[in-house]
C-alpha atoms as a PDB file:
ATOM      1  CA  MET A   1      -0.146   0.130  -0.335  1.00  0.00           C
ATOM      2  CA  ALA A   2       2.617   2.741   0.956  1.00  0.00           C
ATOM      3  CA  THR A   3       4.396   1.771  -2.405  1.00  0.00           C
ATOM      4  CA  ASN A   4       1.313   2.333  -4.294  1.00  0.00           C
ATOM      5  CA  PHE A   5       1.287   5.631  -2.559  1.00  0.00           C
ATOM      6  CA  HIS A   6       4.689   6.644  -3.043  1.00  0.00           C
ATOM      7  CA  THR A   7       4.488   5.890  -6.784  1.00  0.00           C
ATOM      8  CA  ASP A   8       1.384   7.923  -7.390  1.00  0.00           C
ATOM      9  CA  GLU A   9       3.197  10.595  -5.914  1.00  0.00           C
ATOM     10  CA  ALA A  10       5.956  10.047  -7.692  1.00  0.00           C
ATOM     11  CA  LYS A  11       4.018  10.402 -11.125  1.00  0.00           C
ATOM     12  CA  ARG A  12       2.071  13.380  -9.710  1.00  0.00           C
ATOM     13  CA  ARG A  13       5.469  15.207  -9.167  1.00  0.00           C
ATOM     14  CA  THR A  14       6.630  14.298 -12.556  1.00  0.00           C
ATOM     15  CA  GLN A  15       3.213  15.438 -14.075  1.00  0.00           C
ATOM     16  CA  PHE A  16       3.763  18.856 -12.073  1.00  0.00           C
ATOM     17  CA  GLU A  17       6.961  19.123 -13.300  1.00  0.00           C
ATOM     18  CA  LEU A  18       6.294  18.725 -16.562  1.00  0.00           C
ATOM     19  CA  PHE A  19       3.176  21.136 -16.675  1.00  0.00           C
ATOM     20  CA  PHE A  20       5.593  23.588 -14.919  1.00  0.00           C
ATOM     21  CA  ARG A  21       8.352  23.615 -17.524  1.00  0.00           C
ATOM     22  CA  ASP A  22       5.885  23.672 -20.084  1.00  0.00           C
ATOM     23  CA  ASN A  23       4.040  26.940 -18.714  1.00  0.00           C
ATOM     24  CA  TYR A  24       6.460  28.871 -16.702  1.00  0.00           C
ATOM     25  CA  ARG A  25       7.831  31.481 -19.361  1.00  0.00           C
ATOM     26  CA  TRP A  26       4.183  32.083 -20.850  1.00  0.00           C
ATOM     27  CA  LEU A  27       2.623  32.417 -17.303  1.00  0.00           C
ATOM     28  CA  ARG A  28       5.878  34.748 -16.540  1.00  0.00           C
ATOM     29  CA  ARG A  29       5.435  37.046 -19.235  1.00  0.00           C
ATOM     30  CA  TYR A  30       1.519  37.145 -18.558  1.00  0.00           C
ATOM     31  CA  VAL A  31       2.036  38.212 -15.094  1.00  0.00           C
ATOM     32  CA  ALA A  32       4.847  40.662 -16.105  1.00  0.00           C
ATOM     33  CA  ARG A  33       2.783  42.446 -18.430  1.00  0.00           C
ATOM     34  CA  ARG A  34      -0.035  43.190 -15.414  1.00  0.00           C
ATOM     35  CA  VAL A  35       2.002  43.704 -12.122  1.00  0.00           C
ATOM     36  CA  PRO A  36       4.845  45.659 -11.160  1.00  0.00           C
ATOM     37  CA  GLU A  37       8.059  43.950 -11.863  1.00  0.00           C
ATOM     38  CA  SER A  38       8.993  44.102  -8.141  1.00  0.00           C
ATOM     39  CA  ARG A  39       5.740  41.709  -7.509  1.00  0.00           C
ATOM     40  CA  VAL A  40       6.162  39.357 -10.831  1.00  0.00           C
ATOM     41  CA  ASP A  41       8.157  36.715  -9.403  1.00  0.00           C
ATOM     42  CA  ASP A  42       6.068  36.396  -6.122  1.00  0.00           C
ATOM     43  CA  VAL A  43       2.665  36.192  -8.046  1.00  0.00           C
ATOM     44  CA  VAL A  44       4.256  33.386 -10.437  1.00  0.00           C
ATOM     45  CA  ALA A  45       5.663  31.554  -7.728  1.00  0.00           C
ATOM     46  CA  THR A  46       2.325  31.768  -5.715  1.00  0.00           C
ATOM     47  CA  SER A  47       0.110  30.801  -8.956  1.00  0.00           C
ATOM     48  CA  PHE A  48       2.179  27.821  -9.319  1.00  0.00           C
ATOM     49  CA  ILE A  49       1.973  27.123  -5.287  1.00  0.00           C
ATOM     50  CA  VAL A  50      -1.916  27.233  -5.783  1.00  0.00           C
ATOM     51  CA  ALA A  51      -1.785  24.770  -9.038  1.00  0.00           C
ATOM     52  CA  TRP A  52       0.303  22.039  -7.333  1.00  0.00           C
ATOM     53  CA  LYS A  53      -2.524  22.229  -4.112  1.00  0.00           C
ATOM     54  CA  LYS A  54      -5.244  21.735  -6.886  1.00  0.00           C
ATOM     55  CA  PHE A  55      -3.420  19.885  -9.691  1.00  0.00           C
ATOM     56  CA  GLU A  56      -4.392  16.125  -8.702  1.00  0.00           C
ATOM     57  CA  LYS A  57      -8.052  17.297  -8.523  1.00  0.00           C
ATOM     58  CA  VAL A  58      -8.071  19.047 -12.028  1.00  0.00           C
ATOM     59  CA  SER A  59      -8.827  16.285 -14.937  1.00  0.00           C
ATOM     60  CA  GLU A  60      -6.664  18.267 -17.524  1.00  0.00           C
ATOM     61  CA  PRO A  61      -4.468  21.249 -16.109  1.00  0.00           C
ATOM     62  CA  SER A  62      -4.057  23.617 -18.898  1.00  0.00           C
ATOM     63  CA  LEU A  63      -2.724  26.858 -19.610  1.00  0.00           C
ATOM     64  CA  PRO A  64      -6.084  29.032 -19.139  1.00  0.00           C
ATOM     65  CA  TRP A  65      -6.720  26.758 -16.050  1.00  0.00           C
ATOM     66  CA  LEU A  66      -2.963  28.260 -14.841  1.00  0.00           C
ATOM     67  CA  VAL A  67      -4.025  31.565 -16.311  1.00  0.00           C
ATOM     68  CA  ARG A  68      -7.520  31.467 -14.327  1.00  0.00           C
ATOM     69  CA  ILE A  69      -5.291  30.889 -11.011  1.00  0.00           C
ATOM     70  CA  ALA A  70      -2.937  33.534 -11.822  1.00  0.00           C
ATOM     71  CA  HIS A  71      -5.787  36.147 -12.701  1.00  0.00           C
ATOM     72  CA  TYR A  72      -6.972  35.769  -9.234  1.00  0.00           C
ATOM     73  CA  GLU A  73      -3.552  36.146  -7.842  1.00  0.00           C
ATOM     74  CA  ILE A  74      -2.950  39.214  -9.927  1.00  0.00           C
ATOM     75  CA  SER A  75      -6.078  40.288  -8.384  1.00  0.00           C
ATOM     76  CA  ASN A  76      -5.147  39.848  -5.165  1.00  0.00           C
ATOM     77  CA  THR A  77      -1.637  41.525  -5.434  1.00  0.00           C
ATOM     78  CA  ALA A  78      -3.662  44.418  -7.031  1.00  0.00           C
ATOM     79  CA  ARG A  79      -6.076  44.821  -3.917  1.00  0.00           C
ATOM     80  CA  LYS A  80      -2.739  44.646  -1.718  1.00  0.00           C
ATOM     81  CA  LEU A  81      -1.016  47.286  -3.711  1.00  0.00           C
ATOM     82  CA  ASN A  82      -4.166  49.611  -3.614  1.00  0.00           C
ATOM     83  CA  ARG A  83      -4.208  49.304   0.265  1.00  0.00           C
ATOM     84  CA  ALA A  84      -0.693  50.509   0.344  1.00  0.00           C
ATOM     85  CA  VAL A  85      -1.273  53.170  -1.539  1.00  0.00           C
ATOM     86  CA  ASN A  86      -4.533  55.128  -1.960  1.00  0.00           C
ATOM     87  CA  GLN A  87      -4.005  56.645  -5.301  1.00  0.00           C
ATOM     88  CA  ILE A  88      -1.578  56.263  -8.505  1.00  0.00           C
ATOM     89  CA  GLU A  89       0.319  59.133  -8.916  1.00  0.00           C
ATOM     90  CA  ILE A  90       0.867  59.899 -12.503  1.00  0.00           C
ATOM     91  CA  VAL A  91       4.607  61.129 -13.739  1.00  0.00           C
ATOM     92  CA  VAL A  92       5.099  63.650 -16.076  1.00  0.00           C
ATOM     93  CA  PHE A  93       8.602  63.812 -17.471  1.00  0.00           C
ATOM     94  CA  GLU A  94       9.948  67.278 -18.166  1.00  0.00           C
ATOM     95  CA  ASN A  95      12.577  66.917 -19.725  1.00  0.00           C
ATOM     96  CA  VAL A  96      10.855  65.018 -22.881  1.00  0.00           C
ATOM     97  CA  SER A  97      11.697  66.431 -26.474  1.00  0.00           C
ATOM     98  CA  ASP A  98       8.601  68.294 -27.649  1.00  0.00           C
ATOM     99  CA  THR A  99       9.496  67.096 -31.591  1.00  0.00           C
ATOM    100  CA  PRO A 100       7.545  64.172 -32.637  1.00  0.00           C
ATOM    101  CA  ASP A 101       9.278  61.459 -34.679  1.00  0.00           C
ATOM    102  CA  ASP A 102       7.905  58.828 -36.971  1.00  0.00           C
ATOM    103  CA  ARG A 103       8.344  55.901 -34.450  1.00  0.00           C
ATOM    104  CA  PHE A 104       5.409  54.414 -32.737  1.00  0.00           C
ATOM    105  CA  ASP A 105       5.720  53.844 -29.041  1.00  0.00           C
ATOM    106  CA  GLY A 106       2.239  52.894 -28.315  1.00  0.00           C
ATOM    107  CA  SER A 107       1.351  55.812 -26.061  1.00  0.00           C
ATOM    108  CA  ALA A 108      -2.118  56.285 -27.472  1.00  0.00           C
ATOM    109  CA  VAL A 109      -3.326  52.949 -27.569  1.00  0.00           C
ATOM    110  CA  ARG A 110      -1.890  52.770 -23.909  1.00  0.00           C
ATOM    111  CA  GLN A 111      -3.852  55.754 -23.214  1.00  0.00           C
ATOM    112  CA  ALA A 112      -7.117  54.637 -24.555  1.00  0.00           C
ATOM    113  CA  LEU A 113      -6.755  51.068 -23.053  1.00  0.00           C
ATOM    114  CA  ALA A 114      -6.330  52.902 -19.751  1.00  0.00           C
ATOM    115  CA  CYS A 115      -9.787  54.434 -20.085  1.00  0.00           C
ATOM    116  CA  LEU A 116     -11.739  51.603 -20.353  1.00  0.00           C
ATOM    117  CA  ASP A 117     -13.090  49.262 -17.449  1.00  0.00           C
ATOM    118  CA  PRO A 118     -10.438  46.596 -15.957  1.00  0.00           C
ATOM    119  CA  SER A 119     -12.640  43.587 -17.544  1.00  0.00           C
ATOM    120  CA  ASP A 120     -12.518  45.511 -20.966  1.00  0.00           C
ATOM    121  CA  GLN A 121      -8.691  45.803 -20.764  1.00  0.00           C
ATOM    122  CA  GLU A 122      -8.231  42.582 -19.572  1.00  0.00           C
ATOM    123  CA  LEU A 123      -9.997  40.930 -22.203  1.00  0.00           C
ATOM    124  CA  LEU A 124      -8.327  42.517 -25.202  1.00  0.00           C
ATOM    125  CA  ARG A 125      -4.904  41.704 -23.547  1.00  0.00           C
ATOM    126  CA  LEU A 126      -5.682  38.258 -23.151  1.00  0.00           C
ATOM    127  CA  VAL A 127      -6.783  38.271 -27.114  1.00  0.00           C
ATOM    128  CA  HIS A 128      -4.187  40.837 -28.587  1.00  0.00           C
ATOM    129  CA  TRP A 129      -1.080  40.563 -25.943  1.00  0.00           C
ATOM    130  CA  ASP A 130      -1.156  37.295 -24.822  1.00  0.00           C
ATOM    131  CA  GLU A 131      -2.772  35.462 -27.901  1.00  0.00           C
ATOM    132  CA  LEU A 132      -5.217  33.112 -26.338  1.00  0.00           C
ATOM    133  CA  SER A 133      -8.245  31.893 -28.417  1.00  0.00           C
ATOM    134  CA  ARG A 134     -11.767  32.514 -27.757  1.00  0.00           C
ATOM    135  CA  ASN A 135     -12.124  29.216 -25.545  1.00  0.00           C
ATOM    136  CA  GLU A 136      -8.964  29.489 -23.753  1.00  0.00           C
ATOM    137  CA  ILE A 137     -10.260  33.032 -22.642  1.00  0.00           C
ATOM    138  CA  SER A 138     -13.623  31.506 -21.800  1.00  0.00           C
ATOM    139  CA  ASP A 139     -12.169  29.011 -19.448  1.00  0.00           C
ATOM    140  CA  VAL A 140      -9.976  31.777 -18.080  1.00  0.00           C
ATOM    141  CA  LEU A 141     -12.764  34.061 -17.396  1.00  0.00           C
ATOM    142  CA  GLY A 142     -15.449  31.183 -16.603  1.00  0.00           C
ATOM    143  CA  LEU A 143     -17.517  32.580 -19.379  1.00  0.00           C
ATOM    144  CA  THR A 144     -19.040  30.593 -22.715  1.00  0.00           C
ATOM    145  CA  PRO A 145     -16.919  31.324 -25.835  1.00  0.00           C
ATOM    146  CA  ASN A 146     -20.181  33.461 -27.268  1.00  0.00           C
ATOM    147  CA  ALA A 147     -20.135  35.584 -24.415  1.00  0.00           C
ATOM    148  CA  VAL A 148     -16.526  36.317 -25.045  1.00  0.00           C
ATOM    149  CA  ASN A 149     -16.835  37.229 -28.412  1.00  0.00           C
ATOM    150  CA  VAL A 150     -19.588  39.519 -27.714  1.00  0.00           C
ATOM    151  CA  ARG A 151     -17.683  41.115 -24.541  1.00  0.00           C
ATOM    152  CA  TYR A 152     -14.688  41.640 -26.973  1.00  0.00           C
ATOM    153  CA  HIS A 153     -16.174  43.293 -29.629  1.00  0.00           C
ATOM    154  CA  ARG A 154     -17.809  45.858 -27.324  1.00  0.00           C
ATOM    155  CA  ALA A 155     -14.088  45.941 -25.600  1.00  0.00           C
ATOM    156  CA  LEU A 156     -13.093  46.748 -29.013  1.00  0.00           C
ATOM    157  CA  LYS A 157     -15.946  49.485 -29.962  1.00  0.00           C
ATOM    158  CA  LYS A 158     -15.080  50.951 -26.682  1.00  0.00           C
ATOM    159  CA  LEU A 159     -11.452  51.359 -27.573  1.00  0.00           C
ATOM    160  CA  GLU A 160     -12.015  52.502 -30.865  1.00  0.00           C
ATOM    161  CA  ASN A 161     -14.268  55.109 -29.470  1.00  0.00           C
ATOM    162  CA  GLU A 162     -11.147  56.076 -26.564  1.00  0.00           C
ATOM    163  CA  MET A 163      -8.802  56.130 -29.516  1.00  0.00           C
ATOM    164  CA  SER A 164     -10.955  58.815 -31.567  1.00  0.00           C
ATOM    165  CA  LEU A 165     -10.555  61.282 -28.289  1.00  0.00           C
ATOM    166  CA  VAL A 166      -6.997  60.635 -27.839  1.00  0.00           C
ATOM    167  CA  ASP A 167      -5.129  63.445 -28.826  1.00  0.00           C
ATOM    168  CA  ASP A 168      -2.647  61.572 -31.534  1.00  0.00           C
ATOM    169  CA  PRO A 169       0.488  64.008 -32.168  1.00  0.00           C
ATOM    170  CA  PRO A 170       1.365  64.569 -35.691  1.00  0.00           C
ATOM    171  CA  THR A 171       4.885  62.428 -37.027  1.00  0.00           C
ATOM    172  CA  GLN A 172       7.544  64.288 -38.603  1.00  0.00           C
ATOM    173  CA  LYS A 173       6.170  63.590 -42.460  1.00  0.00           C
ATOM    174  CA  GLY A 174       2.792  65.283 -41.110  1.00  0.00           C
ATOM    175  CA  VAL A 175       4.493  68.294 -39.783  1.00  0.00           C
ATOM    176  CA  HIS A 176       4.001  71.158 -42.291  1.00  0.00           C
ATOM    177  CA  GLN A 177       7.083  73.801 -41.856  1.00  0.00           C
END
């Protein structure tokens, strides 16, 4: 009986180690786009600890399942940070050149994205940054694939509306002298 327990435990450990190796880098990038760099390793580690505790209870552990765990850990981290800091301070750089250039830095998109509800931001990030399928996103967010599609199109429309409100400075080519 004891031998069987050790064999099952060793098998479970090996399966989890493979799962960890297959998903660690992807999960770390996912988390790094959502929390301050100083918290990334903690959130990733906590996510894998929770995954390890639940690993034998899940019939098919998958990346969306792991992302869902990390999503909750990210939310917990955000709540902790919000308790520590009551408001976000926006830093204005005074020494930045006013000379526009032709490079796209994404600031207009980030500014428009920041105006959306957090749930819309997360959905757009899962689609465009993390490149998850609608079925994977439905697993992560606990929605049906149809609900994901509807919410995605609504979020995309909201982003489009916000983008139309963002002042996009002209590039060098668009400046008349």
